[in-house]
Amino acid sequence: MDSKGMITPEEWRTFCNDAVLLARFPKYNYVSGEPFQADIELSWFRSSTPDTLELSWSLTAESGTLSEGTAAAEIPAGANYFELYQLKLDLPDVKAMTSIKLSLQITGTDIRKSYDLWIYPELSSTGLEEVHVYHELDDEARALLEQGADILLMPDPDSLKNAVQGFYSTDFWCYPMFRSISESMNRPVPVGTMGLLIDNAHPALGGFPSEEHSTYPWWNIIEHSKSLILDGTDHSWSPIVQTIDNFERNHKLGFLLECRVGESRLLICPLNAAKAAETPEGRQFLSSLTSYMRSEAFNPEAEVTIDELQRIIQ
């Protein structure tokens, strides 16, 4: 029961306490200049209840404070859960993917809460039309490989057998237990993966800044993907974005990886690009990949044969 150092007591009390702030908003990912609206609510079970409270809020980015304000709110008599304020504003224009933080606090108290949001620039193109994109190693793709061309290989997730379904949420506790319960009840077996391990310093993600772990920009992207099973491949072939498998299967799983086949350079991502491109975060991700492929930084180290590559993407 000792602390594992994952969170401080102060941070824990921002969401588990006798008084907790909550912001309700429809999504975490927004386009530059898009309106933002959040209903700010308060759960209050403290022994004494004041007649009024002051809410302070701010939107901040790495560059500083973008917007801030205060609002006074009356507390309904005897209420334990109520709406404090409806926050409405237009998000700032941005030229690059920008992480911002919505911070809330009841003035003069320890009651606070924060949320991470992301803003994306309006993109006229994802750049897919400027690179060679193939969904399988057909005759045309193989001919390009023999010529030393660069390829973005995006296998159709629905067609892949040597792969695990993309799923953003992690397995809750113990995959073997939930798998067996699902099987005994004739229910679908959970995917059972444990989130992402991201090489966030890799230039392929230069236009899609990320943490080393899963965050909300990845949600819709991963939900329309699969991760390739890379068991038996050389240790040096390390995915740029790796899906972490559960301890029972323990597959080596790759969502985004790169390699060389002869003189050709390949970036491989089993993603439904059309579905991903329906969201601002998906368009930003695809743009980051294609920008990387057109740059001098595109320099895969792992070398594989075309037969090994074909085995993996079947």
Protein backbone atom coordinates (compact mmCIF):
# COMPACT_ATOMS: atom_id res chain seq x y z
CA MET A 1 0.00 0.00 0.00
CA ASP A 2 3.00 2.32 -0.02
CA SER A 3 3.09 5.12 -2.56
CA LYS A 4 4.72 4.08 -5.84
CA GLY A 5 5.48 7.71 -6.70
CA MET A 6 2.97 7.82 -9.56
CA ILE A 7 1.10 10.85 -8.19
CA THR A 8 1.37 13.31 -5.32
CA PRO A 9 -1.30 13.51 -2.59
CA GLU A 10 -2.07 17.06 -3.71
CA GLU A 11 -2.73 15.99 -7.31
CA TRP A 12 -4.82 13.03 -6.13
CA ARG A 13 -7.08 15.37 -4.18
CA THR A 14 -7.88 17.34 -7.34
CA PHE A 15 -10.22 14.51 -8.38
CA CYS A 16 -10.83 12.53 -5.16
CA ASN A 17 -11.75 14.75 -2.24
CA ASP A 18 -14.69 16.22 -0.30
CA ALA A 19 -14.81 19.07 -2.84
CA VAL A 20 -13.97 18.51 -6.51
CA LEU A 21 -14.24 20.68 -9.63
CA LEU A 22 -15.40 19.21 -12.93
CA ALA A 23 -15.39 20.67 -16.44
CA ARG A 24 -17.70 19.09 -19.01
CA PHE A 25 -16.67 19.67 -22.63
CA PRO A 26 -17.25 17.60 -25.78
CA LYS A 27 -13.68 16.80 -26.90
CA TYR A 28 -9.97 17.31 -26.27
CA ASN A 29 -8.85 18.16 -29.82
CA TYR A 30 -9.75 21.44 -31.55
CA VAL A 31 -9.01 23.33 -34.75
CA SER A 32 -7.32 26.73 -34.63
CA GLY A 33 -9.82 29.44 -33.69
CA GLU A 34 -12.63 26.99 -32.89
CA PRO A 35 -15.15 27.94 -30.17
CA PHE A 36 -14.64 26.21 -26.82
CA GLN A 37 -17.37 25.72 -24.25
CA ALA A 38 -17.22 24.00 -20.88
CA ASP A 39 -19.76 23.63 -18.10
CA ILE A 40 -17.88 24.06 -14.81
CA GLU A 41 -19.44 22.09 -11.95
CA LEU A 42 -18.59 21.52 -8.30
CA SER A 43 -19.12 18.60 -5.97
CA TRP A 44 -19.19 19.93 -2.39
CA PHE A 45 -19.40 17.77 0.74
CA ARG A 46 -17.48 19.95 3.21
CA SER A 47 -18.86 20.65 6.66
CA SER A 48 -19.54 24.33 6.07
CA THR A 49 -20.93 25.86 2.91
CA PRO A 50 -20.35 29.53 1.97
CA ASP A 51 -23.05 31.51 0.17
CA THR A 52 -20.78 32.36 -2.77
CA LEU A 53 -17.54 31.15 -4.28
CA GLU A 54 -15.18 32.68 -6.83
CA LEU A 55 -13.96 30.54 -9.69
CA SER A 56 -10.72 31.48 -11.40
CA TRP A 57 -9.80 29.91 -14.73
CA SER A 58 -7.00 30.14 -17.27
CA LEU A 59 -5.84 28.70 -20.56
CA THR A 60 -2.07 28.41 -20.77
CA ALA A 61 0.47 27.12 -23.26
CA GLU A 62 4.23 26.77 -23.14
CA SER A 63 4.43 30.35 -24.41
CA GLY A 64 2.40 31.72 -21.47
CA THR A 65 -1.18 32.59 -20.54
CA LEU A 66 -3.60 32.67 -23.47
CA SER A 67 -6.75 33.67 -21.62
CA GLU A 68 -7.94 33.96 -18.02
CA GLY A 69 -10.80 35.22 -15.91
CA THR A 70 -12.86 34.95 -12.73
CA ALA A 71 -16.53 34.40 -12.03
CA ALA A 72 -18.56 34.61 -8.82
CA ALA A 73 -21.12 31.87 -8.23
CA GLU A 74 -23.87 31.43 -5.66
CA ILE A 75 -24.22 28.05 -3.96
CA PRO A 76 -27.79 26.71 -3.83
CA ALA A 77 -28.88 26.03 -0.26
CA GLY A 78 -28.29 22.42 0.74
CA ALA A 79 -26.83 21.47 -2.63
CA ASN A 80 -23.91 19.08 -2.90
CA TYR A 81 -23.49 19.16 -6.67
CA PHE A 82 -24.18 22.14 -8.88
CA GLU A 83 -23.07 24.16 -11.90
CA LEU A 84 -20.78 27.09 -11.17
CA TYR A 85 -20.17 28.69 -14.54
CA GLN A 86 -20.42 28.20 -18.29
CA LEU A 87 -17.10 29.05 -19.90
CA LYS A 88 -17.25 30.21 -23.53
CA LEU A 89 -14.35 31.49 -25.63
CA ASP A 90 -12.68 31.18 -29.02
CA LEU A 91 -9.44 29.24 -28.99
CA PRO A 92 -6.38 31.05 -30.38
CA ASP A 93 -5.06 30.69 -33.91
CA VAL A 94 -2.01 28.42 -34.06
CA LYS A 95 0.54 27.61 -36.76
CA ALA A 96 1.58 24.26 -35.26
CA MET A 97 0.03 21.58 -33.06
CA THR A 98 -0.18 23.18 -29.62
CA SER A 99 -0.82 21.65 -26.22
CA ILE A 100 -2.72 23.90 -23.83
CA LYS A 101 -3.96 23.50 -20.26
CA LEU A 102 -7.33 24.51 -18.85
CA SER A 103 -6.81 25.27 -15.13
CA LEU A 104 -9.62 25.83 -12.65
CA GLN A 105 -9.48 26.86 -8.99
CA ILE A 106 -11.83 28.07 -6.29
CA THR A 107 -10.12 31.24 -5.11
CA GLY A 108 -8.62 31.02 -1.64
CA THR A 109 -8.99 27.23 -1.36
CA ASP A 110 -7.10 24.06 -2.30
CA ILE A 111 -9.87 23.08 -4.74
CA ARG A 112 -8.39 22.96 -8.23
CA LYS A 113 -8.47 20.90 -11.41
CA SER A 114 -6.73 20.99 -14.77
CA TYR A 115 -7.27 19.45 -18.20
CA ASP A 116 -4.97 19.04 -21.19
CA LEU A 117 -6.35 20.16 -24.57
CA TRP A 118 -4.80 20.34 -28.04
CA ILE A 119 -5.22 22.84 -30.87
CA TYR A 120 -4.31 22.09 -34.51
CA PRO A 121 -3.74 24.41 -37.47
CA GLU A 122 -6.08 24.24 -40.43
CA LEU A 123 -4.39 21.98 -42.99
CA SER A 124 -5.11 22.19 -46.69
CA SER A 125 -3.39 18.84 -47.31
CA THR A 126 -2.00 15.85 -45.42
CA GLY A 127 0.73 15.40 -48.03
CA LEU A 128 -0.36 11.85 -48.90
CA GLU A 129 -0.62 12.83 -52.56
CA GLU A 130 3.09 13.75 -52.54
CA VAL A 131 4.43 10.31 -51.53
CA HIS A 132 4.00 6.77 -52.79
CA VAL A 133 1.22 5.22 -50.66
CA TYR A 134 0.43 1.51 -50.91
CA HIS A 135 -1.88 -0.74 -48.92
CA GLU A 136 -0.17 -3.98 -49.94
CA LEU A 137 2.98 -5.18 -51.64
CA ASP A 138 1.40 -5.63 -55.05
CA ASP A 139 3.33 -5.82 -58.32
CA GLU A 140 3.47 -2.04 -58.65
CA ALA A 141 4.82 -1.56 -55.13
CA ARG A 142 7.41 -4.32 -55.63
CA ALA A 143 8.54 -2.70 -58.86
CA LEU A 144 9.08 0.60 -57.04
CA LEU A 145 11.05 -1.22 -54.33
CA GLU A 146 13.33 -2.67 -56.99
CA GLN A 147 13.88 0.89 -58.28
CA GLY A 148 14.84 2.16 -54.82
CA ALA A 149 11.74 4.34 -54.35
CA ASP A 150 10.46 5.48 -50.96
CA ILE A 151 7.08 4.09 -49.90
CA LEU A 152 4.51 4.78 -47.21
CA LEU A 153 3.04 1.33 -46.60
CA MET A 154 -0.38 1.59 -44.96
CA PRO A 155 -1.93 -1.90 -44.89
CA ASP A 156 -5.71 -1.93 -44.56
CA PRO A 157 -6.28 -2.82 -40.88
CA ASP A 158 -9.35 -4.91 -41.73
CA SER A 159 -7.30 -7.13 -44.05
CA LEU A 160 -4.49 -7.92 -41.57
CA LYS A 161 -4.30 -11.29 -39.81
CA ASN A 162 -0.83 -10.97 -38.27
CA ALA A 163 -1.91 -8.04 -36.13
CA VAL A 164 -3.76 -6.93 -33.01
CA GLN A 165 -6.72 -4.55 -33.13
CA GLY A 166 -5.96 -0.96 -32.19
CA PHE A 167 -7.50 0.08 -28.87
CA TYR A 168 -6.75 3.26 -26.95
CA SER A 169 -7.88 2.26 -23.45
CA THR A 170 -5.60 -0.06 -21.53
CA ASP A 171 -6.61 -3.48 -20.21
CA PHE A 172 -8.13 -2.85 -16.80
CA TRP A 173 -6.32 -5.31 -14.58
CA CYS A 174 -5.66 -8.92 -15.55
CA TYR A 175 -6.11 -9.96 -19.17
CA PRO A 176 -6.28 -13.75 -18.58
CA MET A 177 -9.11 -13.27 -16.09
CA PHE A 178 -11.16 -10.93 -18.30
CA ARG A 179 -10.48 -13.09 -21.35
CA SER A 180 -11.75 -16.23 -19.61
CA ILE A 181 -14.81 -14.43 -18.22
CA SER A 182 -15.66 -13.10 -21.68
CA GLU A 183 -15.26 -16.54 -23.22
CA SER A 184 -17.44 -18.18 -20.55
CA MET A 185 -20.20 -15.61 -21.20
CA ASN A 186 -19.88 -15.81 -25.00
CA ARG A 187 -18.90 -12.15 -25.08
CA PRO A 188 -16.21 -10.54 -27.29
CA VAL A 189 -12.74 -11.02 -25.83
CA PRO A 190 -11.16 -7.67 -24.88
CA VAL A 191 -8.26 -6.44 -26.99
CA GLY A 192 -6.12 -6.41 -23.85
CA THR A 193 -3.31 -4.06 -24.90
CA MET A 194 -1.67 -1.64 -22.48
CA GLY A 195 -1.31 1.65 -24.35
CA LEU A 196 1.57 3.05 -26.39
CA LEU A 197 5.32 3.37 -25.98
CA ILE A 198 6.29 6.34 -28.16
CA ASP A 199 9.74 7.39 -29.34
CA ASN A 200 8.64 11.02 -29.08
CA ALA A 201 12.04 12.36 -30.13
CA HIS A 202 11.81 10.64 -33.51
CA PRO A 203 11.59 13.09 -36.44
CA ALA A 204 8.59 11.20 -37.88
CA LEU A 205 6.63 12.83 -35.06
CA GLY A 206 8.20 16.25 -35.53
CA GLY A 207 4.83 17.73 -36.50
CA PHE A 208 2.92 15.67 -33.96
CA PRO A 209 4.58 16.37 -30.59
CA SER A 210 3.77 13.62 -28.11
CA GLU A 211 4.55 12.24 -24.70
CA GLU A 212 6.21 8.84 -24.39
CA HIS A 213 2.81 7.39 -23.46
CA SER A 214 -0.73 7.51 -24.83
CA THR A 215 -2.53 10.87 -24.74
CA TYR A 216 -5.82 11.99 -26.31
CA PRO A 217 -4.39 13.06 -29.69
CA TRP A 218 -3.79 9.34 -30.30
CA TRP A 219 -7.33 8.15 -29.47
CA ASN A 220 -9.05 8.30 -32.88
CA ILE A 221 -5.84 7.40 -34.70
CA ILE A 222 -5.33 4.18 -32.75
CA GLU A 223 -9.02 3.23 -32.85
CA HIS A 224 -8.79 3.04 -36.67
CA SER A 225 -5.63 0.96 -36.76
CA LYS A 226 -4.03 -2.37 -36.01
CA SER A 227 -0.55 -3.10 -34.70
CA LEU A 228 1.65 -5.58 -36.55
CA ILE A 229 2.97 -8.62 -34.68
CA LEU A 230 6.75 -8.39 -35.00
CA ASP A 231 7.67 -11.52 -33.04
CA GLY A 232 10.95 -13.02 -34.25
CA THR A 233 12.20 -9.84 -35.93
CA ASP A 234 15.63 -8.51 -35.14
CA HIS A 235 15.97 -6.60 -31.87
CA SER A 236 17.35 -3.60 -33.77
CA TRP A 237 14.02 -3.17 -35.56
CA SER A 238 12.38 -1.07 -32.89
CA PRO A 239 9.01 0.57 -33.70
CA ILE A 240 8.71 4.34 -33.54
CA VAL A 241 5.34 3.78 -31.89
CA GLN A 242 4.98 0.44 -30.15
CA THR A 243 1.76 -0.94 -28.71
CA ILE A 244 2.40 -2.56 -25.33
CA ASP A 245 0.91 -6.04 -25.15
CA ASN A 246 -0.36 -7.74 -22.00
CA PHE A 247 1.83 -10.19 -20.07
CA GLU A 248 0.02 -13.30 -21.34
CA ARG A 249 0.58 -12.81 -25.08
CA ASN A 250 3.61 -10.52 -24.82
CA HIS A 251 3.81 -9.85 -28.56
CA LYS A 252 6.19 -7.30 -29.97
CA LEU A 253 3.68 -4.93 -31.56
CA GLY A 254 4.41 -2.11 -34.00
CA PHE A 255 1.99 0.64 -35.02
CA LEU A 256 4.53 2.95 -36.68
CA LEU A 257 7.88 1.61 -37.90
CA GLU A 258 10.43 2.12 -40.64
CA CYS A 259 12.93 -0.01 -42.52
CA ARG A 260 14.98 -0.40 -45.66
CA VAL A 261 14.38 -2.98 -48.37
CA GLY A 262 17.43 -2.82 -50.59
CA GLU A 263 17.82 0.84 -51.56
CA SER A 264 14.21 1.68 -50.75
CA ARG A 265 13.09 3.37 -47.56
CA LEU A 266 9.72 2.45 -46.09
CA LEU A 267 7.53 3.97 -43.40
CA ILE A 268 4.90 1.46 -42.28
CA CYS A 269 1.66 2.33 -40.49
CA PRO A 270 -1.40 -0.01 -40.52
CA LEU A 271 -3.93 2.82 -40.32
CA ASN A 272 -7.19 3.62 -42.10
CA ALA A 273 -5.96 6.98 -43.36
CA ALA A 274 -9.37 8.05 -44.67
CA LYS A 275 -10.92 7.63 -41.22
CA ALA A 276 -7.98 9.31 -39.51
CA ALA A 277 -8.18 12.28 -41.87
CA GLU A 278 -11.72 13.03 -40.66
CA THR A 279 -10.27 14.53 -37.46
CA PRO A 280 -7.80 17.41 -36.99
CA GLU A 281 -5.44 15.20 -34.99
CA GLY A 282 -5.51 12.53 -37.70
CA ARG A 283 -4.72 15.07 -40.42
CA GLN A 284 -1.88 16.45 -38.31
CA PHE A 285 -0.45 12.96 -37.77
CA LEU A 286 -0.54 12.10 -41.48
CA SER A 287 1.03 15.45 -42.34
CA SER A 288 3.84 14.76 -39.88
CA LEU A 289 4.54 11.37 -41.49
CA THR A 290 4.61 12.68 -45.05
CA SER A 291 6.74 15.69 -44.10
CA TYR A 292 9.23 13.31 -42.50
CA MET A 293 9.34 11.12 -45.62
CA ARG A 294 10.17 14.14 -47.78
CA SER A 295 12.92 15.32 -45.45
CA GLU A 296 16.61 14.44 -45.22
CA ALA A 297 15.92 13.00 -41.75
CA PHE A 298 14.20 9.96 -43.32
CA ASN A 299 16.96 7.44 -42.78
CA PRO A 300 15.80 4.02 -41.51
CA GLU A 301 18.49 1.81 -40.00
CA ALA A 302 16.75 -1.58 -39.92
CA GLU A 303 17.16 -3.67 -43.06
CA VAL A 304 14.66 -6.39 -43.96
CA THR A 305 14.01 -8.55 -46.96
CA ILE A 306 10.88 -8.18 -49.01
CA ASP A 307 9.87 -11.73 -48.02
CA GLU A 308 10.11 -10.88 -44.30
CA LEU A 309 8.15 -7.70 -44.87
CA GLN A 310 5.47 -9.65 -46.74
CA ARG A 311 5.24 -12.16 -43.88
CA ILE A 312 4.71 -9.40 -41.35
CA ILE A 313 1.95 -7.53 -43.19
CA GLN A 314 -0.14 -10.54 -44.12
